[in-house]
Amino acid sequence: MTRKVEAHAAAPMAFDARGLWDMSGRSFEMAERACRAWMSGTMQMQNEAMDFLRTSAGRNAHAVNEISRCTSAAEAFGLQSRYAQESLAEWLDESRKMAEMVGTMWQDNVAMFEQGGETPAGGTKA
């Protein structure tokens, strides 16, 4: 017995990547604009990360200097604990900043394609 499978209409896709591979001038323009936007954003993220690492290295050197002047193990452990907590808070804050930067890059990229009523697939906005 042969089983017949009926195809149901799929929900409309929000983004149709096939339009990017159209090999037309429009698809190359979109790819170039997207690449430039992402490269600009990643350069900003790299600069932010390098600034954070430079500042972090300075704090670490200061921590090592302070710990080296401790007169007891309890005092050294107390300083290590404080610096570890501060470092974790700073890394979490920096991670939040990086996540926000990625979100902004994504929103900017989507907004770039929505300008003029065009979507990345070459259609029009609903």
PDB file of N, CA and C in Angstrom:
ATOM      1  N   MET A   1       0.839  -1.170   0.000  1.00  0.00           N
ATOM      2  CA  MET A   1       0.000   0.000   0.000  1.00  0.00           C
ATOM      3  C   MET A   1       0.883   1.231   0.000  1.00  0.00           C
ATOM      4  N   THR A   2       0.644   2.146  -0.881  1.00  0.00           N
ATOM      5  CA  THR A   2       1.426   3.362  -0.979  1.00  0.00           C
ATOM      6  C   THR A   2       0.791   4.447  -0.120  1.00  0.00           C
ATOM      7  N   ARG A   3       1.635   5.101   0.626  1.00  0.00           N
ATOM      8  CA  ARG A   3       1.158   6.163   1.502  1.00  0.00           C
ATOM      9  C   ARG A   3       1.371   7.506   0.820  1.00  0.00           C
ATOM     10  N   LYS A   4       0.363   8.310   0.787  1.00  0.00           N
ATOM     11  CA  LYS A   4       0.446   9.623   0.151  1.00  0.00           C
ATOM     12  C   LYS A   4       0.708  10.676   1.221  1.00  0.00           C
ATOM     13  N   VAL A   5       1.736  11.479   0.991  1.00  0.00           N
ATOM     14  CA  VAL A   5       2.079  12.532   1.933  1.00  0.00           C
ATOM     15  C   VAL A   5       1.720  13.868   1.303  1.00  0.00           C
ATOM     16  N   GLU A   6       0.917  14.617   2.013  1.00  0.00           N
ATOM     17  CA  GLU A   6       0.538  15.936   1.511  1.00  0.00           C
ATOM     18  C   GLU A   6       1.476  16.983   2.086  1.00  0.00           C
ATOM     19  N   ALA A   7       1.913  17.883   1.232  1.00  0.00           N
ATOM     20  CA  ALA A   7       2.776  18.975   1.677  1.00  0.00           C
ATOM     21  C   ALA A   7       1.897  20.111   2.182  1.00  0.00           C
ATOM     22  N   HIS A   8       2.214  20.571   3.371  1.00  0.00           N
ATOM     23  CA  HIS A   8       1.486  21.694   3.945  1.00  0.00           C
ATOM     24  C   HIS A   8       2.260  22.972   3.644  1.00  0.00           C
ATOM     25  N   ALA A   9       1.534  24.043   3.468  1.00  0.00           N
ATOM     26  CA  ALA A   9       2.182  25.327   3.204  1.00  0.00           C
ATOM     27  C   ALA A   9       2.990  25.730   4.426  1.00  0.00           C
ATOM     28  N   ALA A  10       4.241  25.994   4.213  1.00  0.00           N
ATOM     29  CA  ALA A  10       5.124  26.391   5.313  1.00  0.00           C
ATOM     30  C   ALA A  10       4.909  27.865   5.626  1.00  0.00           C
ATOM     31  N   ALA A  11       5.207  28.218   6.844  1.00  0.00           N
ATOM     32  CA  ALA A  11       5.123  29.616   7.247  1.00  0.00           C
ATOM     33  C   ALA A  11       6.136  30.415   6.441  1.00  0.00           C
ATOM     34  N   PRO A  12       5.808  31.642   6.092  1.00  0.00           N
ATOM     35  CA  PRO A  12       6.754  32.440   5.307  1.00  0.00           C
ATOM     36  C   PRO A  12       8.045  32.673   6.090  1.00  0.00           C
ATOM     37  N   MET A  13       9.158  32.588   5.389  1.00  0.00           N
ATOM     38  CA  MET A  13      10.457  32.783   6.026  1.00  0.00           C
ATOM     39  C   MET A  13      10.716  34.278   6.182  1.00  0.00           C
ATOM     40  N   ALA A  14      11.332  34.644   7.289  1.00  0.00           N
ATOM     41  CA  ALA A  14      11.666  36.034   7.515  1.00  0.00           C
ATOM     42  C   ALA A  14      12.887  36.428   6.688  1.00  0.00           C
ATOM     43  N   PHE A  15      13.706  35.468   6.367  1.00  0.00           N
ATOM     44  CA  PHE A  15      14.935  35.746   5.629  1.00  0.00           C
ATOM     45  C   PHE A  15      15.181  34.603   4.656  1.00  0.00           C
ATOM     46  N   ASP A  16      15.250  34.931   3.396  1.00  0.00           N
ATOM     47  CA  ASP A  16      15.484  33.918   2.370  1.00  0.00           C
ATOM     48  C   ASP A  16      16.901  34.103   1.841  1.00  0.00           C
ATOM     49  N   ALA A  17      17.806  33.241   2.257  1.00  0.00           N
ATOM     50  CA  ALA A  17      19.217  33.373   1.890  1.00  0.00           C
ATOM     51  C   ALA A  17      19.462  33.125   0.405  1.00  0.00           C
ATOM     52  N   ARG A  18      18.511  32.521  -0.288  1.00  0.00           N
ATOM     53  CA  ARG A  18      18.709  32.257  -1.723  1.00  0.00           C
ATOM     54  C   ARG A  18      18.929  33.558  -2.496  1.00  0.00           C
ATOM     55  N   GLY A  19      18.345  34.650  -2.025  1.00  0.00           N
ATOM     56  CA  GLY A  19      18.520  35.937  -2.708  1.00  0.00           C
ATOM     57  C   GLY A  19      19.958  36.425  -2.671  1.00  0.00           C
ATOM     58  N   LEU A  20      20.707  35.975  -1.669  1.00  0.00           N
ATOM     59  CA  LEU A  20      22.105  36.394  -1.577  1.00  0.00           C
ATOM     60  C   LEU A  20      22.978  35.701  -2.618  1.00  0.00           C
ATOM     61  N   TRP A  21      22.558  34.529  -3.090  1.00  0.00           N
ATOM     62  CA  TRP A  21      23.353  33.764  -4.045  1.00  0.00           C
ATOM     63  C   TRP A  21      22.860  33.964  -5.469  1.00  0.00           C
ATOM     64  N   ASP A  22      22.125  35.001  -5.665  1.00  0.00           N
ATOM     65  CA  ASP A  22      21.521  35.320  -6.954  1.00  0.00           C
ATOM     66  C   ASP A  22      22.561  35.661  -8.016  1.00  0.00           C
ATOM     67  N   MET A  23      23.774  36.000  -7.591  1.00  0.00           N
ATOM     68  CA  MET A  23      24.880  36.377  -8.479  1.00  0.00           C
ATOM     69  C   MET A  23      24.523  37.587  -9.343  1.00  0.00           C
ATOM     70  N   SER A  24      23.780  38.495  -8.746  1.00  0.00           N
ATOM     71  CA  SER A  24      23.447  39.723  -9.451  1.00  0.00           C
ATOM     72  C   SER A  24      24.188  40.876  -8.781  1.00  0.00           C
ATOM     73  N   GLY A  25      24.119  42.022  -9.391  1.00  0.00           N
ATOM     74  CA  GLY A  25      24.761  43.189  -8.802  1.00  0.00           C
ATOM     75  C   GLY A  25      24.191  43.510  -7.438  1.00  0.00           C
ATOM     76  N   ARG A  26      22.898  43.304  -7.277  1.00  0.00           N
ATOM     77  CA  ARG A  26      22.240  43.582  -5.999  1.00  0.00           C
ATOM     78  C   ARG A  26      22.763  42.651  -4.908  1.00  0.00           C
ATOM     79  N   SER A  27      22.934  41.377  -5.214  1.00  0.00           N
ATOM     80  CA  SER A  27      23.406  40.458  -4.184  1.00  0.00           C
ATOM     81  C   SER A  27      24.851  40.769  -3.791  1.00  0.00           C
ATOM     82  N   PHE A  28      25.666  41.169  -4.769  1.00  0.00           N
ATOM     83  CA  PHE A  28      27.048  41.536  -4.445  1.00  0.00           C
ATOM     84  C   PHE A  28      27.085  42.805  -3.604  1.00  0.00           C
ATOM     85  N   GLU A  29      26.201  43.740  -3.904  1.00  0.00           N
ATOM     86  CA  GLU A  29      26.141  44.982  -3.123  1.00  0.00           C
ATOM     87  C   GLU A  29      25.728  44.678  -1.682  1.00  0.00           C
ATOM     88  N   MET A  30      24.729  43.821  -1.514  1.00  0.00           N
ATOM     89  CA  MET A  30      24.287  43.456  -0.168  1.00  0.00           C
ATOM     90  C   MET A  30      25.401  42.750   0.593  1.00  0.00           C
ATOM     91  N   ALA A  31      26.096  41.840  -0.069  1.00  0.00           N
ATOM     92  CA  ALA A  31      27.179  41.113   0.589  1.00  0.00           C
ATOM     93  C   ALA A  31      28.302  42.068   0.989  1.00  0.00           C
ATOM     94  N   GLU A  32      28.618  43.000   0.119  1.00  0.00           N
ATOM     95  CA  GLU A  32      29.670  43.968   0.431  1.00  0.00           C
ATOM     96  C   GLU A  32      29.270  44.844   1.616  1.00  0.00           C
ATOM     97  N   ARG A  33      28.038  45.336   1.601  1.00  0.00           N
ATOM     98  CA  ARG A  33      27.565  46.186   2.697  1.00  0.00           C
ATOM     99  C   ARG A  33      27.568  45.426   4.014  1.00  0.00           C
ATOM    100  N   ALA A  34      27.104  44.169   3.981  1.00  0.00           N
ATOM    101  CA  ALA A  34      27.077  43.361   5.199  1.00  0.00           C
ATOM    102  C   ALA A  34      28.489  43.103   5.707  1.00  0.00           C
ATOM    103  N   CYS A  35      29.394  42.777   4.797  1.00  0.00           N
ATOM    104  CA  CYS A  35      30.783  42.503   5.182  1.00  0.00           C
ATOM    105  C   CYS A  35      31.439  43.741   5.785  1.00  0.00           C
ATOM    106  N   ARG A  36      31.228  44.876   5.157  1.00  0.00           N
ATOM    107  CA  ARG A  36      31.813  46.122   5.695  1.00  0.00           C
ATOM    108  C   ARG A  36      31.249  46.447   7.074  1.00  0.00           C
ATOM    109  N   ALA A  37      29.946  46.255   7.243  1.00  0.00           N
ATOM    110  CA  ALA A  37      29.322  46.536   8.538  1.00  0.00           C
ATOM    111  C   ALA A  37      29.881  45.620   9.618  1.00  0.00           C
ATOM    112  N   TRP A  38      29.989  44.325   9.314  1.00  0.00           N
ATOM    113  CA  TRP A  38      30.501  43.391  10.304  1.00  0.00           C
ATOM    114  C   TRP A  38      31.978  43.624  10.588  1.00  0.00           C
ATOM    115  N   MET A  39      32.754  43.941   9.577  1.00  0.00           N
ATOM    116  CA  MET A  39      34.183  44.209   9.797  1.00  0.00           C
ATOM    117  C   MET A  39      34.369  45.445  10.672  1.00  0.00           C
ATOM    118  N   SER A  40      33.569  46.469  10.426  1.00  0.00           N
ATOM    119  CA  SER A  40      33.639  47.670  11.247  1.00  0.00           C
ATOM    120  C   SER A  40      33.292  47.335  12.696  1.00  0.00           C
ATOM    121  N   GLY A  41      32.236  46.556  12.877  1.00  0.00           N
ATOM    122  CA  GLY A  41      31.831  46.168  14.224  1.00  0.00           C
ATOM    123  C   GLY A  41      32.869  45.314  14.929  1.00  0.00           C
ATOM    124  N   THR A  42      33.474  44.383  14.191  1.00  0.00           N
ATOM    125  CA  THR A  42      34.479  43.530  14.824  1.00  0.00           C
ATOM    126  C   THR A  42      35.741  44.320  15.168  1.00  0.00           C
ATOM    127  N   MET A  43      36.040  45.336  14.387  1.00  0.00           N
ATOM    128  CA  MET A  43      37.185  46.195  14.734  1.00  0.00           C
ATOM    129  C   MET A  43      36.896  46.954  16.026  1.00  0.00           C
ATOM    130  N   GLN A  44      35.664  47.423  16.192  1.00  0.00           N
ATOM    131  CA  GLN A  44      35.300  48.098  17.436  1.00  0.00           C
ATOM    132  C   GLN A  44      35.406  47.136  18.617  1.00  0.00           C
ATOM    133  N   MET A  45      34.957  45.896  18.397  1.00  0.00           N
ATOM    134  CA  MET A  45      35.052  44.904  19.469  1.00  0.00           C
ATOM    135  C   MET A  45      36.509  44.586  19.802  1.00  0.00           C
ATOM    136  N   GLN A  46      37.352  44.495  18.778  1.00  0.00           N
ATOM    137  CA  GLN A  46      38.766  44.220  19.019  1.00  0.00           C
ATOM    138  C   GLN A  46      39.398  45.350  19.817  1.00  0.00           C
ATOM    139  N   ASN A  47      39.087  46.588  19.466  1.00  0.00           N
ATOM    140  CA  ASN A  47      39.625  47.728  20.206  1.00  0.00           C
ATOM    141  C   ASN A  47      39.160  47.717  21.659  1.00  0.00           C
ATOM    142  N   GLU A  48      37.885  47.412  21.865  1.00  0.00           N
ATOM    143  CA  GLU A  48      37.345  47.323  23.228  1.00  0.00           C
ATOM    144  C   GLU A  48      38.066  46.226  24.020  1.00  0.00           C
ATOM    145  N   ALA A  49      38.255  45.068  23.397  1.00  0.00           N
ATOM    146  CA  ALA A  49      38.928  43.952  24.076  1.00  0.00           C
ATOM    147  C   ALA A  49      40.375  44.303  24.413  1.00  0.00           C
ATOM    148  N   MET A  50      41.068  44.941  23.495  1.00  0.00           N
ATOM    149  CA  MET A  50      42.465  45.311  23.755  1.00  0.00           C
ATOM    150  C   MET A  50      42.570  46.336  24.877  1.00  0.00           C
ATOM    151  N   ASP A  51      41.651  47.304  24.904  1.00  0.00           N
ATOM    152  CA  ASP A  51      41.643  48.281  26.000  1.00  0.00           C
ATOM    153  C   ASP A  51      41.404  47.582  27.333  1.00  0.00           C
ATOM    154  N   PHE A  52      40.451  46.645  27.334  1.00  0.00           N
ATOM    155  CA  PHE A  52      40.159  45.909  28.560  1.00  0.00           C
ATOM    156  C   PHE A  52      41.374  45.102  29.016  1.00  0.00           C
ATOM    157  N   LEU A  53      42.025  44.415  28.088  1.00  0.00           N
ATOM    158  CA  LEU A  53      43.190  43.596  28.451  1.00  0.00           C
ATOM    159  C   LEU A  53      44.343  44.446  28.976  1.00  0.00           C
ATOM    160  N   ARG A  54      44.556  45.614  28.347  1.00  0.00           N
ATOM    161  CA  ARG A  54      45.601  46.520  28.838  1.00  0.00           C
ATOM    162  C   ARG A  54      45.306  46.967  30.270  1.00  0.00           C
ATOM    163  N   THR A  55      44.071  47.372  30.508  1.00  0.00           N
ATOM    164  CA  THR A  55      43.675  47.815  31.844  1.00  0.00           C
ATOM    165  C   THR A  55      43.770  46.665  32.837  1.00  0.00           C
ATOM    166  N   SER A  56      43.336  45.484  32.417  1.00  0.00           N
ATOM    167  CA  SER A  56      43.377  44.304  33.283  1.00  0.00           C
ATOM    168  C   SER A  56      44.819  43.941  33.644  1.00  0.00           C
ATOM    169  N   ALA A  57      45.720  44.034  32.686  1.00  0.00           N
ATOM    170  CA  ALA A  57      47.124  43.734  32.961  1.00  0.00           C
ATOM    171  C   ALA A  57      47.684  44.700  34.000  1.00  0.00           C
ATOM    172  N   GLY A  58      47.307  45.965  33.898  1.00  0.00           N
ATOM    173  CA  GLY A  58      47.752  46.952  34.889  1.00  0.00           C
ATOM    174  C   GLY A  58      47.223  46.631  36.278  1.00  0.00           C
ATOM    175  N   ARG A  59      45.949  46.237  36.353  1.00  0.00           N
ATOM    176  CA  ARG A  59      45.360  45.866  37.653  1.00  0.00           C
ATOM    177  C   ARG A  59      46.047  44.629  38.207  1.00  0.00           C
ATOM    178  N   ASN A  60      46.346  43.667  37.338  1.00  0.00           N
ATOM    179  CA  ASN A  60      47.008  42.443  37.800  1.00  0.00           C
ATOM    180  C   ASN A  60      48.403  42.738  38.336  1.00  0.00           C
ATOM    181  N   ALA A  61      49.134  43.602  37.651  1.00  0.00           N
ATOM    182  CA  ALA A  61      50.470  43.970  38.134  1.00  0.00           C
ATOM    183  C   ALA A  61      50.374  44.666  39.491  1.00  0.00           C
ATOM    184  N   HIS A  62      49.366  45.516  39.647  1.00  0.00           N
ATOM    185  CA  HIS A  62      49.156  46.202  40.934  1.00  0.00           C
ATOM    186  C   HIS A  62      48.823  45.181  42.028  1.00  0.00           C
ATOM    187  N   ALA A  63      47.996  44.189  41.691  1.00  0.00           N
ATOM    188  CA  ALA A  63      47.626  43.160  42.664  1.00  0.00           C
ATOM    189  C   ALA A  63      48.844  42.360  43.096  1.00  0.00           C
ATOM    190  N   VAL A  64      49.669  41.968  42.142  1.00  0.00           N
ATOM    191  CA  VAL A  64      50.882  41.207  42.469  1.00  0.00           C
ATOM    192  C   VAL A  64      51.787  42.030  43.377  1.00  0.00           C
ATOM    193  N   ASN A  65      51.907  43.332  43.092  1.00  0.00           N
ATOM    194  CA  ASN A  65      52.733  44.219  43.915  1.00  0.00           C
ATOM    195  C   ASN A  65      52.186  44.294  45.339  1.00  0.00           C
ATOM    196  N   GLU A  66      50.885  44.432  45.475  1.00  0.00           N
ATOM    197  CA  GLU A  66      50.290  44.504  46.814  1.00  0.00           C
ATOM    198  C   GLU A  66      50.450  43.182  47.567  1.00  0.00           C
ATOM    199  N   ILE A  67      50.201  42.081  46.880  1.00  0.00           N
ATOM    200  CA  ILE A  67      50.295  40.767  47.538  1.00  0.00           C
ATOM    201  C   ILE A  67      51.737  40.490  47.963  1.00  0.00           C
ATOM    202  N   SER A  68      52.704  40.944  47.169  1.00  0.00           N
ATOM    203  CA  SER A  68      54.112  40.705  47.526  1.00  0.00           C
ATOM    204  C   SER A  68      54.506  41.448  48.803  1.00  0.00           C
ATOM    205  N   ARG A  69      53.760  42.480  49.158  1.00  0.00           N
ATOM    206  CA  ARG A  69      54.067  43.240  50.375  1.00  0.00           C
ATOM    207  C   ARG A  69      53.330  42.733  51.607  1.00  0.00           C
ATOM    208  N   CYS A  70      52.538  41.672  51.450  1.00  0.00           N
ATOM    209  CA  CYS A  70      51.797  41.125  52.589  1.00  0.00           C
ATOM    210  C   CYS A  70      52.767  40.524  53.606  1.00  0.00           C
ATOM    211  N   THR A  71      52.388  40.617  54.866  1.00  0.00           N
ATOM    212  CA  THR A  71      53.252  40.091  55.930  1.00  0.00           C
ATOM    213  C   THR A  71      52.748  38.767  56.485  1.00  0.00           C
ATOM    214  N   SER A  72      51.544  38.355  56.080  1.00  0.00           N
ATOM    215  CA  SER A  72      51.026  37.064  56.549  1.00  0.00           C
ATOM    216  C   SER A  72      50.260  36.386  55.415  1.00  0.00           C
ATOM    217  N   ALA A  73      50.100  35.078  55.563  1.00  0.00           N
ATOM    218  CA  ALA A  73      49.359  34.313  54.562  1.00  0.00           C
ATOM    219  C   ALA A  73      47.890  34.724  54.545  1.00  0.00           C
ATOM    220  N   ALA A  74      47.329  35.020  55.705  1.00  0.00           N
ATOM    221  CA  ALA A  74      45.918  35.424  55.782  1.00  0.00           C
ATOM    222  C   ALA A  74      45.695  36.724  55.018  1.00  0.00           C
ATOM    223  N   GLU A  75      46.629  37.646  55.178  1.00  0.00           N
ATOM    224  CA  GLU A  75      46.521  38.922  54.465  1.00  0.00           C
ATOM    225  C   GLU A  75      46.627  38.702  52.951  1.00  0.00           C
ATOM    226  N   ALA A  76      47.537  37.839  52.528  1.00  0.00           N
ATOM    227  CA  ALA A  76      47.716  37.547  51.104  1.00  0.00           C
ATOM    228  C   ALA A  76      46.475  36.860  50.534  1.00  0.00           C
ATOM    229  N   PHE A  77      45.923  35.890  51.272  1.00  0.00           N
ATOM    230  CA  PHE A  77      44.710  35.211  50.798  1.00  0.00           C
ATOM    231  C   PHE A  77      43.537  36.181  50.716  1.00  0.00           C
ATOM    232  N   GLY A  78      43.455  37.093  51.671  1.00  0.00           N
ATOM    233  CA  GLY A  78      42.386  38.099  51.656  1.00  0.00           C
ATOM    234  C   GLY A  78      42.478  38.982  50.415  1.00  0.00           C
ATOM    235  N   LEU A  79      43.692  39.429  50.086  1.00  0.00           N
ATOM    236  CA  LEU A  79      43.888  40.247  48.885  1.00  0.00           C
ATOM    237  C   LEU A  79      43.592  39.445  47.624  1.00  0.00           C
ATOM    238  N   GLN A  80      44.059  38.200  47.585  1.00  0.00           N
ATOM    239  CA  GLN A  80      43.784  37.357  46.414  1.00  0.00           C
ATOM    240  C   GLN A  80      42.284  37.181  46.219  1.00  0.00           C
ATOM    241  N   SER A  81      41.572  36.963  47.301  1.00  0.00           N
ATOM    242  CA  SER A  81      40.122  36.787  47.226  1.00  0.00           C
ATOM    243  C   SER A  81      39.458  38.060  46.707  1.00  0.00           C
ATOM    244  N   ARG A  82      39.862  39.201  47.229  1.00  0.00           N
ATOM    245  CA  ARG A  82      39.286  40.473  46.783  1.00  0.00           C
ATOM    246  C   ARG A  82      39.559  40.711  45.298  1.00  0.00           C
ATOM    247  N   TYR A  83      40.798  40.498  44.877  1.00  0.00           N
ATOM    248  CA  TYR A  83      41.138  40.711  43.463  1.00  0.00           C
ATOM    249  C   TYR A  83      40.424  39.716  42.553  1.00  0.00           C
ATOM    250  N   ALA A  84      40.244  38.487  43.018  1.00  0.00           N
ATOM    251  CA  ALA A  84      39.523  37.491  42.215  1.00  0.00           C
ATOM    252  C   ALA A  84      38.069  37.913  42.031  1.00  0.00           C
ATOM    253  N   GLN A  85      37.430  38.391  43.096  1.00  0.00           N
ATOM    254  CA  GLN A  85      36.040  38.844  42.992  1.00  0.00           C
ATOM    255  C   GLN A  85      35.923  40.053  42.064  1.00  0.00           C
ATOM    256  N   GLU A  86      36.849  41.003  42.211  1.00  0.00           N
ATOM    257  CA  GLU A  86      36.821  42.188  41.356  1.00  0.00           C
ATOM    258  C   GLU A  86      37.068  41.813  39.890  1.00  0.00           C
ATOM    259  N   SER A  87      38.000  40.898  39.673  1.00  0.00           N
ATOM    260  CA  SER A  87      38.306  40.474  38.305  1.00  0.00           C
ATOM    261  C   SER A  87      37.115  39.781  37.663  1.00  0.00           C
ATOM    262  N   LEU A  88      36.452  38.923  38.411  1.00  0.00           N
ATOM    263  CA  LEU A  88      35.284  38.232  37.882  1.00  0.00           C
ATOM    264  C   LEU A  88      34.195  39.232  37.516  1.00  0.00           C
ATOM    265  N   ALA A  89      33.955  40.207  38.381  1.00  0.00           N
ATOM    266  CA  ALA A  89      32.945  41.228  38.094  1.00  0.00           C
ATOM    267  C   ALA A  89      33.319  42.030  36.847  1.00  0.00           C
ATOM    268  N   GLU A  90      34.592  42.357  36.705  1.00  0.00           N
ATOM    269  CA  GLU A  90      35.041  43.119  35.530  1.00  0.00           C
ATOM    270  C   GLU A  90      34.919  42.299  34.250  1.00  0.00           C
ATOM    271  N   TRP A  91      35.256  41.002  34.317  1.00  0.00           N
ATOM    272  CA  TRP A  91      35.130  40.135  33.138  1.00  0.00           C
ATOM    273  C   TRP A  91      33.665  39.957  32.746  1.00  0.00           C
ATOM    274  N   LEU A  92      32.787  39.817  33.732  1.00  0.00           N
ATOM    275  CA  LEU A  92      31.361  39.691  33.438  1.00  0.00           C
ATOM    276  C   LEU A  92      30.826  40.970  32.805  1.00  0.00           C
ATOM    277  N   ASP A  93      31.260  42.118  33.322  1.00  0.00           N
ATOM    278  CA  ASP A  93      30.831  43.395  32.750  1.00  0.00           C
ATOM    279  C   ASP A  93      31.334  43.537  31.312  1.00  0.00           C
ATOM    280  N   GLU A  94      32.566  43.139  31.077  1.00  0.00           N
ATOM    281  CA  GLU A  94      33.123  43.214  29.723  1.00  0.00           C
ATOM    282  C   GLU A  94      32.399  42.252  28.786  1.00  0.00           C
ATOM    283  N   SER A  95      32.036  41.073  29.286  1.00  0.00           N
ATOM    284  CA  SER A  95      31.274  40.124  28.469  1.00  0.00           C
ATOM    285  C   SER A  95      29.918  40.713  28.093  1.00  0.00           C
ATOM    286  N   ARG A  96      29.281  41.395  29.036  1.00  0.00           N
ATOM    287  CA  ARG A  96      28.008  42.049  28.760  1.00  0.00           C
ATOM    288  C   ARG A  96      28.170  43.106  27.681  1.00  0.00           C
ATOM    289  N   LYS A  97      29.239  43.894  27.765  1.00  0.00           N
ATOM    290  CA  LYS A  97      29.502  44.922  26.746  1.00  0.00           C
ATOM    291  C   LYS A  97      29.686  44.284  25.370  1.00  0.00           C
ATOM    292  N   MET A  98      30.442  43.186  25.325  1.00  0.00           N
ATOM    293  CA  MET A  98      30.679  42.509  24.044  1.00  0.00           C
ATOM    294  C   MET A  98      29.369  41.962  23.476  1.00  0.00           C
ATOM    295  N   ALA A  99      28.538  41.385  24.327  1.00  0.00           N
ATOM    296  CA  ALA A  99      27.250  40.869  23.859  1.00  0.00           C
ATOM    297  C   ALA A  99      26.383  42.008  23.322  1.00  0.00           C
ATOM    298  N   GLU A 100      26.401  43.147  23.992  1.00  0.00           N
ATOM    299  CA  GLU A 100      25.641  44.304  23.512  1.00  0.00           C
ATOM    300  C   GLU A 100      26.177  44.788  22.164  1.00  0.00           C
ATOM    301  N   MET A 101      27.493  44.756  22.006  1.00  0.00           N
ATOM    302  CA  MET A 101      28.085  45.179  20.731  1.00  0.00           C
ATOM    303  C   MET A 101      27.654  44.254  19.593  1.00  0.00           C
ATOM    304  N   VAL A 102      27.622  42.947  19.844  1.00  0.00           N
ATOM    305  CA  VAL A 102      27.173  41.992  18.825  1.00  0.00           C
ATOM    306  C   VAL A 102      25.703  42.249  18.497  1.00  0.00           C
ATOM    307  N   GLY A 103      24.895  42.492  19.518  1.00  0.00           N
ATOM    308  CA  GLY A 103      23.487  42.789  19.296  1.00  0.00           C
ATOM    309  C   GLY A 103      23.289  44.050  18.472  1.00  0.00           C
ATOM    310  N   THR A 104      24.074  45.065  18.752  1.00  0.00           N
ATOM    311  CA  THR A 104      24.003  46.309  17.994  1.00  0.00           C
ATOM    312  C   THR A 104      24.426  46.087  16.553  1.00  0.00           C
ATOM    313  N   MET A 105      25.491  45.300  16.351  1.00  0.00           N
ATOM    314  CA  MET A 105      25.930  45.005  14.983  1.00  0.00           C
ATOM    315  C   MET A 105      24.822  44.299  14.216  1.00  0.00           C
ATOM    316  N   TRP A 106      24.161  43.347  14.857  1.00  0.00           N
ATOM    317  CA  TRP A 106      23.090  42.604  14.204  1.00  0.00           C
ATOM    318  C   TRP A 106      21.939  43.546  13.858  1.00  0.00           C
ATOM    319  N   GLN A 107      21.531  44.383  14.808  1.00  0.00           N
ATOM    320  CA  GLN A 107      20.433  45.313  14.557  1.00  0.00           C
ATOM    321  C   GLN A 107      20.780  46.293  13.440  1.00  0.00           C
ATOM    322  N   ASP A 108      22.011  46.792  13.437  1.00  0.00           N
ATOM    323  CA  ASP A 108      22.436  47.711  12.380  1.00  0.00           C
ATOM    324  C   ASP A 108      22.404  47.028  11.020  1.00  0.00           C
ATOM    325  N   ASN A 109      22.815  45.768  10.980  1.00  0.00           N
ATOM    326  CA  ASN A 109      22.827  45.019   9.719  1.00  0.00           C
ATOM    327  C   ASN A 109      21.405  44.806   9.213  1.00  0.00           C
ATOM    328  N   VAL A 110      20.506  44.433  10.104  1.00  0.00           N
ATOM    329  CA  VAL A 110      19.111  44.236   9.712  1.00  0.00           C
ATOM    330  C   VAL A 110      18.516  45.558   9.248  1.00  0.00           C
ATOM    331  N   ALA A 111      18.779  46.641   9.985  1.00  0.00           N
ATOM    332  CA  ALA A 111      18.246  47.950   9.615  1.00  0.00           C
ATOM    333  C   ALA A 111      18.782  48.396   8.261  1.00  0.00           C
ATOM    334  N   MET A 112      20.036  48.067   7.969  1.00  0.00           N
ATOM    335  CA  MET A 112      20.631  48.441   6.691  1.00  0.00           C
ATOM    336  C   MET A 112      19.854  47.810   5.540  1.00  0.00           C
ATOM    337  N   PHE A 113      19.440  46.555   5.700  1.00  0.00           N
ATOM    338  CA  PHE A 113      18.700  45.870   4.640  1.00  0.00           C
ATOM    339  C   PHE A 113      17.255  46.357   4.552  1.00  0.00           C
ATOM    340  N   GLU A 114      16.733  46.872   5.654  1.00  0.00           N
ATOM    341  CA  GLU A 114      15.351  47.325   5.648  1.00  0.00           C
ATOM    342  C   GLU A 114      15.200  48.729   5.066  1.00  0.00           C
ATOM    343  N   GLN A 115      16.294  49.436   4.897  1.00  0.00           N
ATOM    344  CA  GLN A 115      16.216  50.778   4.314  1.00  0.00           C
ATOM    345  C   GLN A 115      15.644  50.688   2.912  1.00  0.00           C
ATOM    346  N   GLY A 116      14.731  51.562   2.628  1.00  0.00           N
ATOM    347  CA  GLY A 116      14.142  51.580   1.288  1.00  0.00           C
ATOM    348  C   GLY A 116      13.139  50.481   1.067  1.00  0.00           C
ATOM    349  N   GLY A 117      12.733  49.792   2.157  1.00  0.00           N
ATOM    350  CA  GLY A 117      11.708  48.766   2.035  1.00  0.00           C
ATOM    351  C   GLY A 117      12.200  47.456   1.479  1.00  0.00           C
ATOM    352  N   GLU A 118      13.513  47.268   1.347  1.00  0.00           N
ATOM    353  CA  GLU A 118      14.024  46.023   0.788  1.00  0.00           C
ATOM    354  C   GLU A 118      14.497  45.100   1.886  1.00  0.00           C
ATOM    355  N   THR A 119      14.308  43.828   1.692  1.00  0.00           N
ATOM    356  CA  THR A 119      14.811  42.817   2.610  1.00  0.00           C
ATOM    357  C   THR A 119      16.008  42.142   1.977  1.00  0.00           C
ATOM    358  N   PRO A 120      16.815  41.410   2.738  1.00  0.00           N
ATOM    359  CA  PRO A 120      17.973  40.739   2.147  1.00  0.00           C
ATOM    360  C   PRO A 120      17.614  39.815   0.989  1.00  0.00           C
ATOM    361  N   ALA A 121      16.411  39.281   0.959  1.00  0.00           N
ATOM    362  CA  ALA A 121      16.035  38.368  -0.122  1.00  0.00           C
ATOM    363  C   ALA A 121      15.620  39.113  -1.374  1.00  0.00           C
ATOM    364  N   GLY A 122      15.615  40.447  -1.309  1.00  0.00           N
ATOM    365  CA  GLY A 122      15.262  41.227  -2.476  1.00  0.00           C
ATOM    366  C   GLY A 122      13.782  41.503  -2.562  1.00  0.00           C
ATOM    367  N   GLY A 123      13.023  41.067  -1.574  1.00  0.00           N
ATOM    368  CA  GLY A 123      11.574  41.313  -1.565  1.00  0.00           C
ATOM    369  C   GLY A 123      11.276  42.651  -0.934  1.00  0.00           C
ATOM    370  N   THR A 124      10.049  42.804  -0.523  1.00  0.00           N
ATOM    371  CA  THR A 124       9.661  44.033   0.150  1.00  0.00           C
ATOM    372  C   THR A 124       9.160  43.695   1.528  1.00  0.00           C
ATOM    373  N   LYS A 125       9.233  44.679   2.401  1.00  0.00           N
ATOM    374  CA  LYS A 125       8.748  44.478   3.768  1.00  0.00           C
ATOM    375  C   LYS A 125       7.236  44.332   3.752  1.00  0.00           C
ATOM    376  N   ALA A 126       6.739  43.568   4.695  1.00  0.00           N
ATOM    377  CA  ALA A 126       5.295  43.376   4.784  1.00  0.00           C
ATOM    378  C   ALA A 126       4.646  44.555   5.474  1.00  0.00           C
TER     379      ALA A 126
END
